[in-house]
Amino acid sequence: MQIRPRVRIVGAERHQLTQLVAGRYQAGESIRVLAESIGRSYGFIHKLLEEAGVDLRHRGGDHCPRKPAPAGGA
């Protein structure tokens, strides 16, 4: 779904797009992938997700270092 650049999206069209983006994000797509596929900016997609009340994932992967396994076999 490509949206024309520099065109304001309001009303029912914005609501429909918000629901589409929220569903795809919750299914595992990243904001960057969504932005590229729709033809809008990262910030625009982020704003739509906030409007939808979606819990945003943290950036990147696991930031907590893993503790090494105990030595000695027990």
PDB file of N, CA and C in Angstrom:
ATOM      1  N   MET A   1       0.850  -1.176   0.000  1.00  0.00           N
ATOM      2  CA  MET A   1       0.000   0.000   0.000  1.00  0.00           C
ATOM      3  C   MET A   1       0.892   1.234   0.000  1.00  0.00           C
ATOM      4  N   GLN A   2       0.933   1.944  -1.092  1.00  0.00           N
ATOM      5  CA  GLN A   2       1.687   3.186  -1.189  1.00  0.00           C
ATOM      6  C   GLN A   2       0.730   4.357  -1.031  1.00  0.00           C
ATOM      7  N   ILE A   3       1.173   5.349  -0.306  1.00  0.00           N
ATOM      8  CA  ILE A   3       0.383   6.554  -0.100  1.00  0.00           C
ATOM      9  C   ILE A   3       1.127   7.701  -0.764  1.00  0.00           C
ATOM     10  N   ARG A   4       0.401   8.535  -1.443  1.00  0.00           N
ATOM     11  CA  ARG A   4       1.044   9.661  -2.124  1.00  0.00           C
ATOM     12  C   ARG A   4       1.797  10.518  -1.120  1.00  0.00           C
ATOM     13  N   PRO A   5       3.015  10.931  -1.484  1.00  0.00           N
ATOM     14  CA  PRO A   5       3.801  11.764  -0.574  1.00  0.00           C
ATOM     15  C   PRO A   5       3.197  13.155  -0.423  1.00  0.00           C
ATOM     16  N   ARG A   6       3.418  13.732   0.731  1.00  0.00           N
ATOM     17  CA  ARG A   6       3.005  15.094   1.063  1.00  0.00           C
ATOM     18  C   ARG A   6       1.498  15.316   0.966  1.00  0.00           C
ATOM     19  N   VAL A   7       0.726  14.270   1.196  1.00  0.00           N
ATOM     20  CA  VAL A   7      -0.736  14.384   1.229  1.00  0.00           C
ATOM     21  C   VAL A   7      -1.176  14.069   2.652  1.00  0.00           C
ATOM     22  N   ARG A   8      -1.942  14.965   3.246  1.00  0.00           N
ATOM     23  CA  ARG A   8      -2.422  14.741   4.611  1.00  0.00           C
ATOM     24  C   ARG A   8      -3.424  13.598   4.617  1.00  0.00           C
ATOM     25  N   ILE A   9      -3.314  12.763   5.615  1.00  0.00           N
ATOM     26  CA  ILE A   9      -4.223  11.634   5.763  1.00  0.00           C
ATOM     27  C   ILE A   9      -5.049  11.894   7.012  1.00  0.00           C
ATOM     28  N   VAL A  10      -6.350  12.058   6.825  1.00  0.00           N
ATOM     29  CA  VAL A  10      -7.237  12.414   7.928  1.00  0.00           C
ATOM     30  C   VAL A  10      -8.505  11.575   7.871  1.00  0.00           C
ATOM     31  N   GLY A  11      -9.269  11.662   8.944  1.00  0.00           N
ATOM     32  CA  GLY A  11     -10.582  11.030   9.006  1.00  0.00           C
ATOM     33  C   GLY A  11     -10.550   9.518   8.911  1.00  0.00           C
ATOM     34  N   ALA A  12     -11.494   8.983   8.154  1.00  0.00           N
ATOM     35  CA  ALA A  12     -11.660   7.531   8.039  1.00  0.00           C
ATOM     36  C   ALA A  12     -10.440   6.878   7.399  1.00  0.00           C
ATOM     37  N   GLU A  13      -9.829   7.571   6.445  1.00  0.00           N
ATOM     38  CA  GLU A  13      -8.640   7.019   5.786  1.00  0.00           C
ATOM     39  C   GLU A  13      -7.494   6.859   6.786  1.00  0.00           C
ATOM     40  N   ARG A  14      -7.312   7.839   7.665  1.00  0.00           N
ATOM     41  CA  ARG A  14      -6.251   7.755   8.680  1.00  0.00           C
ATOM     42  C   ARG A  14      -6.558   6.642   9.678  1.00  0.00           C
ATOM     43  N   HIS A  15      -7.808   6.524  10.080  1.00  0.00           N
ATOM     44  CA  HIS A  15      -8.193   5.467  11.016  1.00  0.00           C
ATOM     45  C   HIS A  15      -7.920   4.093  10.408  1.00  0.00           C
ATOM     46  N   GLN A  16      -8.282   3.921   9.154  1.00  0.00           N
ATOM     47  CA  GLN A  16      -8.063   2.648   8.465  1.00  0.00           C
ATOM     48  C   GLN A  16      -6.572   2.341   8.368  1.00  0.00           C
ATOM     49  N   LEU A  17      -5.765   3.341   8.003  1.00  0.00           N
ATOM     50  CA  LEU A  17      -4.324   3.154   7.905  1.00  0.00           C
ATOM     51  C   LEU A  17      -3.725   2.835   9.270  1.00  0.00           C
ATOM     52  N   THR A  18      -4.210   3.509  10.305  1.00  0.00           N
ATOM     53  CA  THR A  18      -3.726   3.259  11.666  1.00  0.00           C
ATOM     54  C   THR A  18      -3.965   1.812  12.065  1.00  0.00           C
ATOM     55  N   GLN A  19      -5.143   1.295  11.786  1.00  0.00           N
ATOM     56  CA  GLN A  19      -5.462  -0.095  12.122  1.00  0.00           C
ATOM     57  C   GLN A  19      -4.594  -1.075  11.341  1.00  0.00           C
ATOM     58  N   LEU A  20      -4.362  -0.780  10.055  1.00  0.00           N
ATOM     59  CA  LEU A  20      -3.519  -1.636   9.216  1.00  0.00           C
ATOM     60  C   LEU A  20      -2.093  -1.675   9.758  1.00  0.00           C
ATOM     61  N   VAL A  21      -1.538  -0.506  10.043  1.00  0.00           N
ATOM     62  CA  VAL A  21      -0.161  -0.408  10.542  1.00  0.00           C
ATOM     63  C   VAL A  21      -0.037  -1.092  11.900  1.00  0.00           C
ATOM     64  N   ALA A  22      -0.997  -0.871  12.775  1.00  0.00           N
ATOM     65  CA  ALA A  22      -0.955  -1.481  14.111  1.00  0.00           C
ATOM     66  C   ALA A  22      -0.984  -3.005  14.014  1.00  0.00           C
ATOM     67  N   GLY A  23      -1.818  -3.533  13.168  1.00  0.00           N
ATOM     68  CA  GLY A  23      -1.898  -4.991  12.997  1.00  0.00           C
ATOM     69  C   GLY A  23      -0.602  -5.578  12.474  1.00  0.00           C
ATOM     70  N   ARG A  24      -0.020  -4.930  11.480  1.00  0.00           N
ATOM     71  CA  ARG A  24       1.236  -5.423  10.918  1.00  0.00           C
ATOM     72  C   ARG A  24       2.376  -5.316  11.931  1.00  0.00           C
ATOM     73  N   TYR A  25       2.396  -4.227  12.720  1.00  0.00           N
ATOM     74  CA  TYR A  25       3.437  -4.055  13.736  1.00  0.00           C
ATOM     75  C   TYR A  25       3.304  -5.135  14.808  1.00  0.00           C
ATOM     76  N   GLN A  26       2.094  -5.396  15.249  1.00  0.00           N
ATOM     77  CA  GLN A  26       1.879  -6.408  16.279  1.00  0.00           C
ATOM     78  C   GLN A  26       2.162  -7.811  15.751  1.00  0.00           C
ATOM     79  N   ALA A  27       2.113  -7.988  14.437  1.00  0.00           N
ATOM     80  CA  ALA A  27       2.454  -9.277  13.835  1.00  0.00           C
ATOM     81  C   ALA A  27       3.971  -9.452  13.703  1.00  0.00           C
ATOM     82  N   GLY A  28       4.743  -8.391  14.013  1.00  0.00           N
ATOM     83  CA  GLY A  28       6.191  -8.531  14.046  1.00  0.00           C
ATOM     84  C   GLY A  28       6.973  -7.642  13.093  1.00  0.00           C
ATOM     85  N   GLU A  29       6.316  -6.906  12.218  1.00  0.00           N
ATOM     86  CA  GLU A  29       7.052  -6.032  11.305  1.00  0.00           C
ATOM     87  C   GLU A  29       7.636  -4.851  12.077  1.00  0.00           C
ATOM     88  N   SER A  30       8.770  -4.357  11.609  1.00  0.00           N
ATOM     89  CA  SER A  30       9.404  -3.212  12.266  1.00  0.00           C
ATOM     90  C   SER A  30       8.813  -1.909  11.728  1.00  0.00           C
ATOM     91  N   ILE A  31       9.020  -0.845  12.471  1.00  0.00           N
ATOM     92  CA  ILE A  31       8.553   0.468  12.036  1.00  0.00           C
ATOM     93  C   ILE A  31       9.245   0.848  10.733  1.00  0.00           C
ATOM     94  N   ARG A  32      10.517   0.552  10.617  1.00  0.00           N
ATOM     95  CA  ARG A  32      11.250   0.897   9.393  1.00  0.00           C
ATOM     96  C   ARG A  32      10.707   0.156   8.177  1.00  0.00           C
ATOM     97  N   VAL A  33      10.399  -1.106   8.319  1.00  0.00           N
ATOM     98  CA  VAL A  33       9.833  -1.880   7.205  1.00  0.00           C
ATOM     99  C   VAL A  33       8.464  -1.328   6.828  1.00  0.00           C
ATOM    100  N   LEU A  34       7.653  -1.022   7.827  1.00  0.00           N
ATOM    101  CA  LEU A  34       6.330  -0.446   7.562  1.00  0.00           C
ATOM    102  C   LEU A  34       6.454   0.881   6.832  1.00  0.00           C
ATOM    103  N   ALA A  35       7.355   1.735   7.286  1.00  0.00           N
ATOM    104  CA  ALA A  35       7.542   3.048   6.671  1.00  0.00           C
ATOM    105  C   ALA A  35       7.948   2.911   5.207  1.00  0.00           C
ATOM    106  N   GLU A  36       8.856   1.998   4.944  1.00  0.00           N
ATOM    107  CA  GLU A  36       9.314   1.801   3.567  1.00  0.00           C
ATOM    108  C   GLU A  36       8.207   1.238   2.684  1.00  0.00           C
ATOM    109  N   SER A  37       7.451   0.291   3.188  1.00  0.00           N
ATOM    110  CA  SER A  37       6.410  -0.336   2.373  1.00  0.00           C
ATOM    111  C   SER A  37       5.246   0.610   2.088  1.00  0.00           C
ATOM    112  N   ILE A  38       4.990   1.544   2.986  1.00  0.00           N
ATOM    113  CA  ILE A  38       3.878   2.473   2.815  1.00  0.00           C
ATOM    114  C   ILE A  38       4.331   3.750   2.109  1.00  0.00           C
ATOM    115  N   GLY A  39       5.619   4.044   2.186  1.00  0.00           N
ATOM    116  CA  GLY A  39       6.129   5.249   1.542  1.00  0.00           C
ATOM    117  C   GLY A  39       6.026   6.482   2.408  1.00  0.00           C
ATOM    118  N   ARG A  40       6.072   6.281   3.704  1.00  0.00           N
ATOM    119  CA  ARG A  40       6.036   7.404   4.660  1.00  0.00           C
ATOM    120  C   ARG A  40       7.227   7.305   5.584  1.00  0.00           C
ATOM    121  N   SER A  41       7.409   8.315   6.415  1.00  0.00           N
ATOM    122  CA  SER A  41       8.575   8.369   7.295  1.00  0.00           C
ATOM    123  C   SER A  41       8.395   7.478   8.531  1.00  0.00           C
ATOM    124  N   TYR A  42       9.534   7.203   9.155  1.00  0.00           N
ATOM    125  CA  TYR A  42       9.557   6.468  10.414  1.00  0.00           C
ATOM    126  C   TYR A  42       8.690   7.192  11.447  1.00  0.00           C
ATOM    127  N   GLY A  43       8.848   8.514  11.530  1.00  0.00           N
ATOM    128  CA  GLY A  43       8.105   9.310  12.506  1.00  0.00           C
ATOM    129  C   GLY A  43       6.603   9.248  12.306  1.00  0.00           C
ATOM    130  N   PHE A  44       6.162   9.233  11.053  1.00  0.00           N
ATOM    131  CA  PHE A  44       4.737   9.149  10.756  1.00  0.00           C
ATOM    132  C   PHE A  44       4.169   7.816  11.237  1.00  0.00           C
ATOM    133  N   ILE A  45       4.882   6.731  10.952  1.00  0.00           N
ATOM    134  CA  ILE A  45       4.422   5.401  11.385  1.00  0.00           C
ATOM    135  C   ILE A  45       4.424   5.326  12.906  1.00  0.00           C
ATOM    136  N   HIS A  46       5.452   5.858  13.541  1.00  0.00           N
ATOM    137  CA  HIS A  46       5.542   5.870  15.009  1.00  0.00           C
ATOM    138  C   HIS A  46       4.340   6.599  15.596  1.00  0.00           C
ATOM    139  N   LYS A  47       3.981   7.739  14.996  1.00  0.00           N
ATOM    140  CA  LYS A  47       2.840   8.530  15.464  1.00  0.00           C
ATOM    141  C   LYS A  47       1.539   7.734  15.318  1.00  0.00           C
ATOM    142  N   LEU A  48       1.360   7.035  14.191  1.00  0.00           N
ATOM    143  CA  LEU A  48       0.160   6.218  14.000  1.00  0.00           C
ATOM    144  C   LEU A  48       0.061   5.127  15.064  1.00  0.00           C
ATOM    145  N   LEU A  49       1.188   4.507  15.368  1.00  0.00           N
ATOM    146  CA  LEU A  49       1.187   3.446  16.380  1.00  0.00           C
ATOM    147  C   LEU A  49       0.840   4.010  17.754  1.00  0.00           C
ATOM    148  N   GLU A  50       1.332   5.195  18.063  1.00  0.00           N
ATOM    149  CA  GLU A  50       0.973   5.845  19.326  1.00  0.00           C
ATOM    150  C   GLU A  50      -0.525   6.152  19.361  1.00  0.00           C
ATOM    151  N   GLU A  51      -1.064   6.642  18.252  1.00  0.00           N
ATOM    152  CA  GLU A  51      -2.497   6.939  18.172  1.00  0.00           C
ATOM    153  C   GLU A  51      -3.338   5.680  18.376  1.00  0.00           C
ATOM    154  N   ALA A  52      -2.815   4.551  17.908  1.00  0.00           N
ATOM    155  CA  ALA A  52      -3.534   3.281  18.036  1.00  0.00           C
ATOM    156  C   ALA A  52      -3.406   2.694  19.445  1.00  0.00           C
ATOM    157  N   GLY A  53      -2.519   3.254  20.270  1.00  0.00           N
ATOM    158  CA  GLY A  53      -2.325   2.743  21.624  1.00  0.00           C
ATOM    159  C   GLY A  53      -1.510   1.472  21.680  1.00  0.00           C
ATOM    160  N   VAL A  54      -0.682   1.244  20.671  1.00  0.00           N
ATOM    161  CA  VAL A  54       0.138   0.037  20.598  1.00  0.00           C
ATOM    162  C   VAL A  54       1.324   0.173  21.544  1.00  0.00           C
ATOM    163  N   ASP A  55       1.649  -0.902  22.267  1.00  0.00           N
ATOM    164  CA  ASP A  55       2.858  -0.932  23.088  1.00  0.00           C
ATOM    165  C   ASP A  55       4.042  -1.138  22.158  1.00  0.00           C
ATOM    166  N   LEU A  56       4.917  -0.142  22.097  1.00  0.00           N
ATOM    167  CA  LEU A  56       6.052  -0.209  21.188  1.00  0.00           C
ATOM    168  C   LEU A  56       7.155  -1.081  21.766  1.00  0.00           C
ATOM    169  N   ARG A  57       7.782  -1.851  20.873  1.00  0.00           N
ATOM    170  CA  ARG A  57       8.900  -2.695  21.280  1.00  0.00           C
ATOM    171  C   ARG A  57      10.134  -1.834  21.481  1.00  0.00           C
ATOM    172  N   HIS A  58      11.070  -2.327  22.296  1.00  0.00           N
ATOM    173  CA  HIS A  58      12.333  -1.635  22.493  1.00  0.00           C
ATOM    174  C   HIS A  58      13.198  -1.807  21.259  1.00  0.00           C
ATOM    175  N   ARG A  59      14.106  -0.881  21.062  1.00  0.00           N
ATOM    176  CA  ARG A  59      14.993  -0.937  19.909  1.00  0.00           C
ATOM    177  C   ARG A  59      16.002  -2.058  20.062  1.00  0.00           C
ATOM    178  N   GLY A  60      16.407  -2.616  18.937  1.00  0.00           N
ATOM    179  CA  GLY A  60      17.488  -3.593  18.917  1.00  0.00           C
ATOM    180  C   GLY A  60      17.120  -4.905  19.578  1.00  0.00           C
ATOM    181  N   GLY A  61      18.130  -5.639  19.910  1.00  0.00           N
ATOM    182  CA  GLY A  61      17.922  -6.950  20.504  1.00  0.00           C
ATOM    183  C   GLY A  61      18.076  -6.927  22.011  1.00  0.00           C
ATOM    184  N   ASP A  62      18.613  -7.985  22.543  1.00  0.00           N
ATOM    185  CA  ASP A  62      18.802  -8.138  23.975  1.00  0.00           C
ATOM    186  C   ASP A  62      19.971  -7.267  24.422  1.00  0.00           C
ATOM    187  N   HIS A  63      19.709  -6.290  25.283  1.00  0.00           N
ATOM    188  CA  HIS A  63      20.760  -5.383  25.735  1.00  0.00           C
ATOM    189  C   HIS A  63      21.377  -5.811  27.065  1.00  0.00           C
ATOM    190  N   CYS A  64      20.860  -6.839  27.680  1.00  0.00           N
ATOM    191  CA  CYS A  64      21.389  -7.300  28.960  1.00  0.00           C
ATOM    192  C   CYS A  64      22.426  -8.383  28.706  1.00  0.00           C
ATOM    193  N   PRO A  65      23.623  -8.203  29.226  1.00  0.00           N
ATOM    194  CA  PRO A  65      24.639  -9.234  29.024  1.00  0.00           C
ATOM    195  C   PRO A  65      24.241 -10.531  29.732  1.00  0.00           C
ATOM    196  N   ARG A  66      24.519 -11.613  29.116  1.00  0.00           N
ATOM    197  CA  ARG A  66      24.233 -12.925  29.698  1.00  0.00           C
ATOM    198  C   ARG A  66      25.289 -13.291  30.726  1.00  0.00           C
ATOM    199  N   LYS A  67      24.863 -13.940  31.789  1.00  0.00           N
ATOM    200  CA  LYS A  67      25.808 -14.436  32.783  1.00  0.00           C
ATOM    201  C   LYS A  67      26.387 -15.740  32.249  1.00  0.00           C
ATOM    202  N   PRO A  68      27.673 -15.940  32.402  1.00  0.00           N
ATOM    203  CA  PRO A  68      28.263 -17.206  31.922  1.00  0.00           C
ATOM    204  C   PRO A  68      27.711 -18.379  32.721  1.00  0.00           C
ATOM    205  N   ALA A  69      27.638 -19.516  32.062  1.00  0.00           N
ATOM    206  CA  ALA A  69      27.177 -20.739  32.720  1.00  0.00           C
ATOM    207  C   ALA A  69      28.161 -21.118  33.818  1.00  0.00           C
ATOM    208  N   PRO A  70      27.654 -21.647  34.943  1.00  0.00           N
ATOM    209  CA  PRO A  70      28.569 -22.033  36.024  1.00  0.00           C
ATOM    210  C   PRO A  70      29.517 -23.134  35.566  1.00  0.00           C
ATOM    211  N   ALA A  71      30.761 -22.968  35.943  1.00  0.00           N
ATOM    212  CA  ALA A  71      31.771 -23.972  35.605  1.00  0.00           C
ATOM    213  C   ALA A  71      31.693 -25.134  36.584  1.00  0.00           C
ATOM    214  N   GLY A  72      31.924 -26.309  36.112  1.00  0.00           N
ATOM    215  CA  GLY A  72      32.001 -27.437  37.034  1.00  0.00           C
ATOM    216  C   GLY A  72      30.906 -28.458  36.844  1.00  0.00           C
ATOM    217  N   GLY A  73      29.946 -28.278  36.030  1.00  0.00           N
ATOM    218  CA  GLY A  73      28.999 -29.333  35.665  1.00  0.00           C
ATOM    219  C   GLY A  73      27.876 -29.618  36.632  1.00  0.00           C
ATOM    220  N   ALA A  74      27.337 -28.750  37.380  1.00  0.00           N
ATOM    221  CA  ALA A  74      26.172 -29.107  38.198  1.00  0.00           C
ATOM    222  C   ALA A  74      24.984 -28.320  37.841  1.00  0.00           C
TER     223      ALA A  74
END
